[in-house]
Amino acid sequence: MKIRTKKDRILRIRLRQRKRIHGTAERPRLAVFRSVTHIYAQVIDDMAGRTVAAASSTEKSLKKVFAGDVRGGNTKGAEALGQVIAERLKDKGISRVVFDRGGNLYHGRVRAVADAARKAGLEF
């Protein structure tokens, strides 16, 4: 695969990571997808092939959290999303996950989601 664009680079890194990162029922994979205006988090059990929990900055239930300068395109919004996904996992009895940054650098919004999830009680 020839790298011509930034998207090609992210895809290549994502595929390389997915060779090593697998989610199980005891320790599912917390996958983060970042677009320009929104951020999405999904917790996946790869062995069963199902999504355990998901949260995104586009959800109507998160509109009350996203007020003022907090939105999906900045780090404050990513922190809020990390707390929400951690709470949803705690309700399901899951406390350990494998973090999948989705080919993005561990920086900015991706790091904010991870730090907020750790602060809310997830282990990875």
N, C-alpha and C. Protein backbone atom coordinates (compact mmCIF):
# COMPACT_ATOMS: atom_id res chain seq x y z
N MET A 1 0.85 -1.18 0.00
CA MET A 1 0.00 0.00 0.00
C MET A 1 0.89 1.23 0.00
N LYS A 2 0.71 2.05 -0.99
CA LYS A 2 1.50 3.26 -1.11
C LYS A 2 0.82 4.39 -0.32
N ILE A 3 1.60 5.11 0.45
CA ILE A 3 1.06 6.19 1.26
C ILE A 3 1.10 7.48 0.45
N ARG A 4 -0.07 7.96 0.10
CA ARG A 4 -0.16 9.20 -0.66
C ARG A 4 -0.79 10.32 0.16
N THR A 5 -1.68 9.95 1.07
CA THR A 5 -2.38 10.96 1.86
C THR A 5 -2.27 10.62 3.34
N LYS A 6 -2.71 11.55 4.16
CA LYS A 6 -2.72 11.34 5.60
C LYS A 6 -3.68 10.21 5.96
N LYS A 7 -4.77 10.12 5.24
CA LYS A 7 -5.76 9.05 5.47
C LYS A 7 -5.14 7.67 5.19
N ASP A 8 -4.32 7.58 4.14
CA ASP A 8 -3.62 6.32 3.83
C ASP A 8 -2.68 5.92 4.97
N ARG A 9 -1.99 6.89 5.54
CA ARG A 9 -1.08 6.62 6.65
C ARG A 9 -1.83 6.10 7.87
N ILE A 10 -2.95 6.74 8.18
CA ILE A 10 -3.77 6.32 9.33
C ILE A 10 -4.30 4.91 9.11
N LEU A 11 -4.75 4.62 7.90
CA LEU A 11 -5.27 3.28 7.59
C LEU A 11 -4.19 2.23 7.73
N ARG A 12 -3.00 2.54 7.27
CA ARG A 12 -1.89 1.59 7.35
C ARG A 12 -1.52 1.30 8.79
N ILE A 13 -1.46 2.34 9.62
CA ILE A 13 -1.15 2.15 11.04
C ILE A 13 -2.27 1.38 11.72
N ARG A 14 -3.51 1.68 11.38
CA ARG A 14 -4.66 0.98 11.97
C ARG A 14 -4.60 -0.51 11.68
N LEU A 15 -4.30 -0.87 10.45
CA LEU A 15 -4.21 -2.28 10.09
C LEU A 15 -3.03 -2.97 10.78
N ARG A 16 -1.94 -2.27 10.93
CA ARG A 16 -0.78 -2.83 11.60
C ARG A 16 -1.08 -3.07 13.09
N GLN A 17 -1.80 -2.15 13.70
CA GLN A 17 -2.17 -2.30 15.11
C GLN A 17 -3.14 -3.46 15.31
N ARG A 18 -4.07 -3.61 14.39
CA ARG A 18 -5.12 -4.62 14.55
C ARG A 18 -4.58 -6.05 14.49
N LYS A 19 -3.35 -6.21 13.98
CA LYS A 19 -2.72 -7.53 14.02
C LYS A 19 -2.41 -7.93 15.46
N ARG A 20 -2.14 -6.95 16.31
CA ARG A 20 -1.70 -7.21 17.68
C ARG A 20 -2.79 -7.01 18.72
N ILE A 21 -3.77 -6.17 18.45
CA ILE A 21 -4.79 -5.81 19.44
C ILE A 21 -6.06 -6.61 19.18
N HIS A 22 -6.49 -7.39 20.18
CA HIS A 22 -7.72 -8.17 20.08
C HIS A 22 -8.52 -7.98 21.37
N GLY A 23 -9.83 -7.85 21.22
CA GLY A 23 -10.69 -7.74 22.38
C GLY A 23 -11.33 -9.07 22.70
N THR A 24 -11.41 -9.39 23.99
CA THR A 24 -12.07 -10.61 24.44
C THR A 24 -13.25 -10.21 25.33
N ALA A 25 -13.98 -11.20 25.80
CA ALA A 25 -15.12 -10.92 26.67
C ALA A 25 -14.65 -10.32 28.00
N GLU A 26 -13.52 -10.80 28.52
CA GLU A 26 -13.01 -10.28 29.79
C GLU A 26 -12.35 -8.91 29.61
N ARG A 27 -11.73 -8.73 28.45
CA ARG A 27 -11.01 -7.48 28.19
C ARG A 27 -11.28 -7.02 26.77
N PRO A 28 -12.43 -6.33 26.55
CA PRO A 28 -12.77 -5.89 25.20
C PRO A 28 -11.89 -4.73 24.72
N ARG A 29 -12.01 -4.43 23.45
CA ARG A 29 -11.19 -3.39 22.81
C ARG A 29 -11.95 -2.07 22.79
N LEU A 30 -11.35 -1.03 23.33
CA LEU A 30 -11.91 0.32 23.29
C LEU A 30 -11.34 1.03 22.08
N ALA A 31 -12.14 1.11 21.01
CA ALA A 31 -11.70 1.71 19.76
C ALA A 31 -12.20 3.16 19.68
N VAL A 32 -11.29 4.06 19.32
CA VAL A 32 -11.61 5.48 19.21
C VAL A 32 -11.49 5.89 17.75
N PHE A 33 -12.53 6.56 17.24
CA PHE A 33 -12.49 7.12 15.89
C PHE A 33 -12.64 8.62 16.01
N ARG A 34 -11.80 9.34 15.32
CA ARG A 34 -11.78 10.80 15.41
C ARG A 34 -12.03 11.39 14.02
N SER A 35 -13.06 12.20 13.92
CA SER A 35 -13.25 12.97 12.69
C SER A 35 -12.94 14.43 13.01
N VAL A 36 -13.15 15.29 12.07
CA VAL A 36 -12.80 16.70 12.29
C VAL A 36 -13.71 17.33 13.34
N THR A 37 -15.00 17.03 13.29
CA THR A 37 -15.94 17.69 14.19
C THR A 37 -16.47 16.81 15.32
N HIS A 38 -16.29 15.51 15.25
CA HIS A 38 -16.84 14.61 16.26
C HIS A 38 -15.84 13.54 16.65
N ILE A 39 -16.15 12.85 17.75
CA ILE A 39 -15.32 11.74 18.21
C ILE A 39 -16.25 10.61 18.66
N TYR A 40 -15.84 9.39 18.38
CA TYR A 40 -16.66 8.22 18.65
C TYR A 40 -15.82 7.20 19.42
N ALA A 41 -16.45 6.50 20.36
CA ALA A 41 -15.78 5.44 21.11
C ALA A 41 -16.68 4.21 21.10
N GLN A 42 -16.08 3.07 20.87
CA GLN A 42 -16.82 1.82 20.77
C GLN A 42 -16.04 0.76 21.53
N VAL A 43 -16.73 -0.05 22.32
CA VAL A 43 -16.09 -1.14 23.04
C VAL A 43 -16.54 -2.43 22.39
N ILE A 44 -15.57 -3.20 21.87
CA ILE A 44 -15.86 -4.33 20.99
C ILE A 44 -15.27 -5.62 21.56
N ASP A 45 -16.09 -6.67 21.56
CA ASP A 45 -15.62 -8.02 21.88
C ASP A 45 -15.35 -8.69 20.53
N ASP A 46 -14.08 -8.79 20.15
CA ASP A 46 -13.72 -9.33 18.84
C ASP A 46 -13.97 -10.82 18.72
N MET A 47 -13.91 -11.55 19.83
CA MET A 47 -14.13 -12.99 19.78
C MET A 47 -15.58 -13.31 19.42
N ALA A 48 -16.51 -12.56 20.00
CA ALA A 48 -17.93 -12.77 19.70
C ALA A 48 -18.38 -11.94 18.51
N GLY A 49 -17.60 -10.92 18.15
CA GLY A 49 -17.95 -10.07 17.03
C GLY A 49 -19.11 -9.14 17.32
N ARG A 50 -19.15 -8.59 18.54
CA ARG A 50 -20.24 -7.69 18.89
C ARG A 50 -19.74 -6.47 19.64
N THR A 51 -20.53 -5.42 19.56
CA THR A 51 -20.23 -4.19 20.27
C THR A 51 -20.86 -4.24 21.65
N VAL A 52 -20.05 -4.05 22.67
CA VAL A 52 -20.53 -4.11 24.05
C VAL A 52 -21.16 -2.78 24.44
N ALA A 53 -20.50 -1.67 24.12
CA ALA A 53 -21.01 -0.34 24.44
C ALA A 53 -20.44 0.65 23.43
N ALA A 54 -21.14 1.75 23.27
CA ALA A 54 -20.67 2.78 22.34
C ALA A 54 -21.12 4.15 22.85
N ALA A 55 -20.38 5.17 22.47
CA ALA A 55 -20.72 6.55 22.77
C ALA A 55 -20.14 7.42 21.68
N SER A 56 -20.85 8.49 21.37
CA SER A 56 -20.34 9.42 20.36
C SER A 56 -20.77 10.84 20.71
N SER A 57 -20.07 11.78 20.17
CA SER A 57 -20.37 13.18 20.43
C SER A 57 -21.62 13.64 19.67
N THR A 58 -22.19 12.78 18.85
CA THR A 58 -23.41 13.14 18.11
C THR A 58 -24.68 12.68 18.81
N GLU A 59 -24.56 11.98 19.92
CA GLU A 59 -25.74 11.47 20.63
C GLU A 59 -26.56 12.60 21.24
N LYS A 60 -27.87 12.45 21.18
CA LYS A 60 -28.74 13.46 21.77
C LYS A 60 -28.68 13.45 23.28
N SER A 61 -28.39 12.28 23.87
CA SER A 61 -28.30 12.20 25.33
C SER A 61 -27.08 12.94 25.88
N LEU A 62 -26.09 13.22 25.04
CA LEU A 62 -24.90 13.94 25.49
C LEU A 62 -24.99 15.45 25.24
N LYS A 63 -26.08 15.92 24.68
CA LYS A 63 -26.20 17.35 24.39
C LYS A 63 -26.13 18.19 25.65
N LYS A 64 -26.66 17.65 26.78
CA LYS A 64 -26.61 18.43 28.03
C LYS A 64 -25.18 18.52 28.57
N VAL A 65 -24.35 17.50 28.29
CA VAL A 65 -22.94 17.53 28.69
C VAL A 65 -22.17 18.50 27.81
N PHE A 66 -22.53 18.54 26.54
CA PHE A 66 -21.84 19.40 25.58
C PHE A 66 -22.51 20.77 25.57
N ALA A 67 -22.11 21.62 26.49
CA ALA A 67 -22.66 22.97 26.57
C ALA A 67 -21.50 23.97 26.57
N GLY A 68 -21.71 25.11 25.97
CA GLY A 68 -20.69 26.14 25.95
C GLY A 68 -19.53 25.79 25.04
N ASP A 69 -18.32 25.72 25.60
CA ASP A 69 -17.13 25.45 24.79
C ASP A 69 -16.81 23.95 24.69
N VAL A 70 -17.67 23.10 25.21
CA VAL A 70 -17.46 21.65 25.13
C VAL A 70 -18.21 21.12 23.92
N ARG A 71 -17.46 20.50 22.98
CA ARG A 71 -18.08 19.89 21.80
C ARG A 71 -17.17 18.75 21.31
N GLY A 72 -17.63 18.01 20.36
CA GLY A 72 -16.91 16.83 19.91
C GLY A 72 -15.59 17.11 19.24
N GLY A 73 -15.39 18.31 18.78
CA GLY A 73 -14.16 18.64 18.06
C GLY A 73 -13.04 19.15 18.92
N ASN A 74 -13.21 19.17 20.26
CA ASN A 74 -12.12 19.64 21.11
C ASN A 74 -11.85 18.66 22.25
N THR A 75 -10.81 18.91 23.01
CA THR A 75 -10.39 17.95 24.04
C THR A 75 -11.36 17.89 25.21
N LYS A 76 -12.05 18.97 25.51
CA LYS A 76 -13.04 18.94 26.60
C LYS A 76 -14.19 18.00 26.25
N GLY A 77 -14.60 18.02 25.01
CA GLY A 77 -15.63 17.09 24.56
C GLY A 77 -15.15 15.66 24.58
N ALA A 78 -13.89 15.44 24.23
CA ALA A 78 -13.32 14.10 24.27
C ALA A 78 -13.23 13.58 25.70
N GLU A 79 -12.92 14.45 26.64
CA GLU A 79 -12.89 14.05 28.05
C GLU A 79 -14.28 13.65 28.52
N ALA A 80 -15.29 14.42 28.13
CA ALA A 80 -16.67 14.09 28.50
C ALA A 80 -17.07 12.74 27.92
N LEU A 81 -16.67 12.48 26.69
CA LEU A 81 -16.98 11.20 26.05
C LEU A 81 -16.28 10.04 26.75
N GLY A 82 -15.04 10.24 27.18
CA GLY A 82 -14.32 9.21 27.91
C GLY A 82 -14.99 8.85 29.22
N GLN A 83 -15.52 9.84 29.92
CA GLN A 83 -16.23 9.58 31.16
C GLN A 83 -17.52 8.81 30.90
N VAL A 84 -18.23 9.17 29.85
CA VAL A 84 -19.50 8.51 29.53
C VAL A 84 -19.27 7.05 29.17
N ILE A 85 -18.27 6.76 28.34
CA ILE A 85 -18.03 5.37 27.93
C ILE A 85 -17.57 4.55 29.13
N ALA A 86 -16.80 5.14 30.04
CA ALA A 86 -16.37 4.42 31.24
C ALA A 86 -17.56 4.10 32.14
N GLU A 87 -18.48 5.04 32.29
CA GLU A 87 -19.67 4.80 33.11
C GLU A 87 -20.53 3.69 32.50
N ARG A 88 -20.67 3.68 31.19
CA ARG A 88 -21.46 2.64 30.53
C ARG A 88 -20.83 1.27 30.72
N LEU A 89 -19.51 1.21 30.69
CA LEU A 89 -18.84 -0.07 30.92
C LEU A 89 -18.93 -0.51 32.37
N LYS A 90 -18.84 0.42 33.30
CA LYS A 90 -18.97 0.08 34.71
C LYS A 90 -20.36 -0.50 35.00
N ASP A 91 -21.38 0.05 34.34
CA ASP A 91 -22.75 -0.48 34.50
C ASP A 91 -22.85 -1.92 34.01
N LYS A 92 -22.05 -2.28 33.01
CA LYS A 92 -22.06 -3.64 32.47
C LYS A 92 -21.09 -4.56 33.20
N GLY A 93 -20.35 -4.02 34.17
CA GLY A 93 -19.44 -4.83 34.97
C GLY A 93 -18.08 -5.05 34.34
N ILE A 94 -17.67 -4.19 33.43
CA ILE A 94 -16.37 -4.31 32.76
C ILE A 94 -15.47 -3.20 33.29
N SER A 95 -14.28 -3.58 33.75
CA SER A 95 -13.36 -2.58 34.27
C SER A 95 -12.01 -2.58 33.55
N ARG A 96 -11.73 -3.61 32.75
CA ARG A 96 -10.46 -3.68 32.02
C ARG A 96 -10.72 -3.73 30.52
N VAL A 97 -9.98 -2.93 29.77
CA VAL A 97 -10.11 -2.89 28.31
C VAL A 97 -8.74 -2.82 27.67
N VAL A 98 -8.70 -3.01 26.36
CA VAL A 98 -7.50 -2.82 25.55
C VAL A 98 -7.77 -1.57 24.71
N PHE A 99 -6.86 -0.61 24.74
CA PHE A 99 -7.08 0.65 24.03
C PHE A 99 -6.60 0.56 22.60
N ASP A 100 -7.46 0.96 21.67
CA ASP A 100 -7.15 0.99 20.24
C ASP A 100 -7.31 2.43 19.76
N ARG A 101 -6.19 3.06 19.45
CA ARG A 101 -6.24 4.47 19.04
C ARG A 101 -6.63 4.66 17.59
N GLY A 102 -6.82 3.59 16.86
CA GLY A 102 -7.35 3.66 15.51
C GLY A 102 -6.44 4.30 14.49
N GLY A 103 -5.13 4.16 14.65
CA GLY A 103 -4.20 4.71 13.67
C GLY A 103 -3.83 6.15 13.92
N ASN A 104 -4.51 6.81 14.85
CA ASN A 104 -4.19 8.20 15.17
C ASN A 104 -3.07 8.25 16.20
N LEU A 105 -2.41 9.38 16.28
CA LEU A 105 -1.39 9.57 17.29
C LEU A 105 -2.04 9.63 18.67
N TYR A 106 -1.35 9.14 19.68
CA TYR A 106 -1.83 9.21 21.06
C TYR A 106 -1.56 10.62 21.56
N HIS A 107 -2.42 11.53 21.15
CA HIS A 107 -2.21 12.94 21.38
C HIS A 107 -3.54 13.65 21.24
N GLY A 108 -3.74 14.73 21.93
CA GLY A 108 -4.93 15.54 21.75
C GLY A 108 -6.20 14.85 22.20
N ARG A 109 -7.19 14.77 21.30
CA ARG A 109 -8.50 14.21 21.64
C ARG A 109 -8.45 12.73 21.95
N VAL A 110 -7.60 11.98 21.26
CA VAL A 110 -7.50 10.54 21.51
C VAL A 110 -6.94 10.31 22.92
N ARG A 111 -5.95 11.07 23.28
CA ARG A 111 -5.38 10.95 24.62
C ARG A 111 -6.37 11.42 25.69
N ALA A 112 -7.16 12.44 25.38
CA ALA A 112 -8.15 12.95 26.33
C ALA A 112 -9.21 11.90 26.64
N VAL A 113 -9.63 11.14 25.62
CA VAL A 113 -10.59 10.06 25.85
C VAL A 113 -9.97 9.01 26.77
N ALA A 114 -8.74 8.62 26.49
CA ALA A 114 -8.07 7.60 27.29
C ALA A 114 -7.87 8.05 28.73
N ASP A 115 -7.40 9.26 28.92
CA ASP A 115 -7.15 9.77 30.27
C ASP A 115 -8.44 9.88 31.08
N ALA A 116 -9.51 10.36 30.44
CA ALA A 116 -10.80 10.48 31.14
C ALA A 116 -11.37 9.12 31.49
N ALA A 117 -11.20 8.14 30.62
CA ALA A 117 -11.68 6.79 30.91
C ALA A 117 -10.89 6.18 32.07
N ARG A 118 -9.59 6.41 32.09
CA ARG A 118 -8.77 5.92 33.21
C ARG A 118 -9.18 6.59 34.52
N LYS A 119 -9.41 7.88 34.44
CA LYS A 119 -9.80 8.63 35.63
C LYS A 119 -11.15 8.16 36.17
N ALA A 120 -12.03 7.72 35.27
CA ALA A 120 -13.36 7.24 35.67
C ALA A 120 -13.33 5.79 36.15
N GLY A 121 -12.16 5.13 36.08
CA GLY A 121 -12.05 3.80 36.68
C GLY A 121 -11.70 2.66 35.76
N LEU A 122 -11.52 2.90 34.46
CA LEU A 122 -11.13 1.81 33.56
C LEU A 122 -9.63 1.55 33.68
N GLU A 123 -9.24 0.29 33.47
CA GLU A 123 -7.83 -0.08 33.51
C GLU A 123 -7.38 -0.48 32.12
N PHE A 124 -6.31 0.13 31.63
CA PHE A 124 -5.64 -0.26 30.39
C PHE A 124 -4.30 0.39 30.30
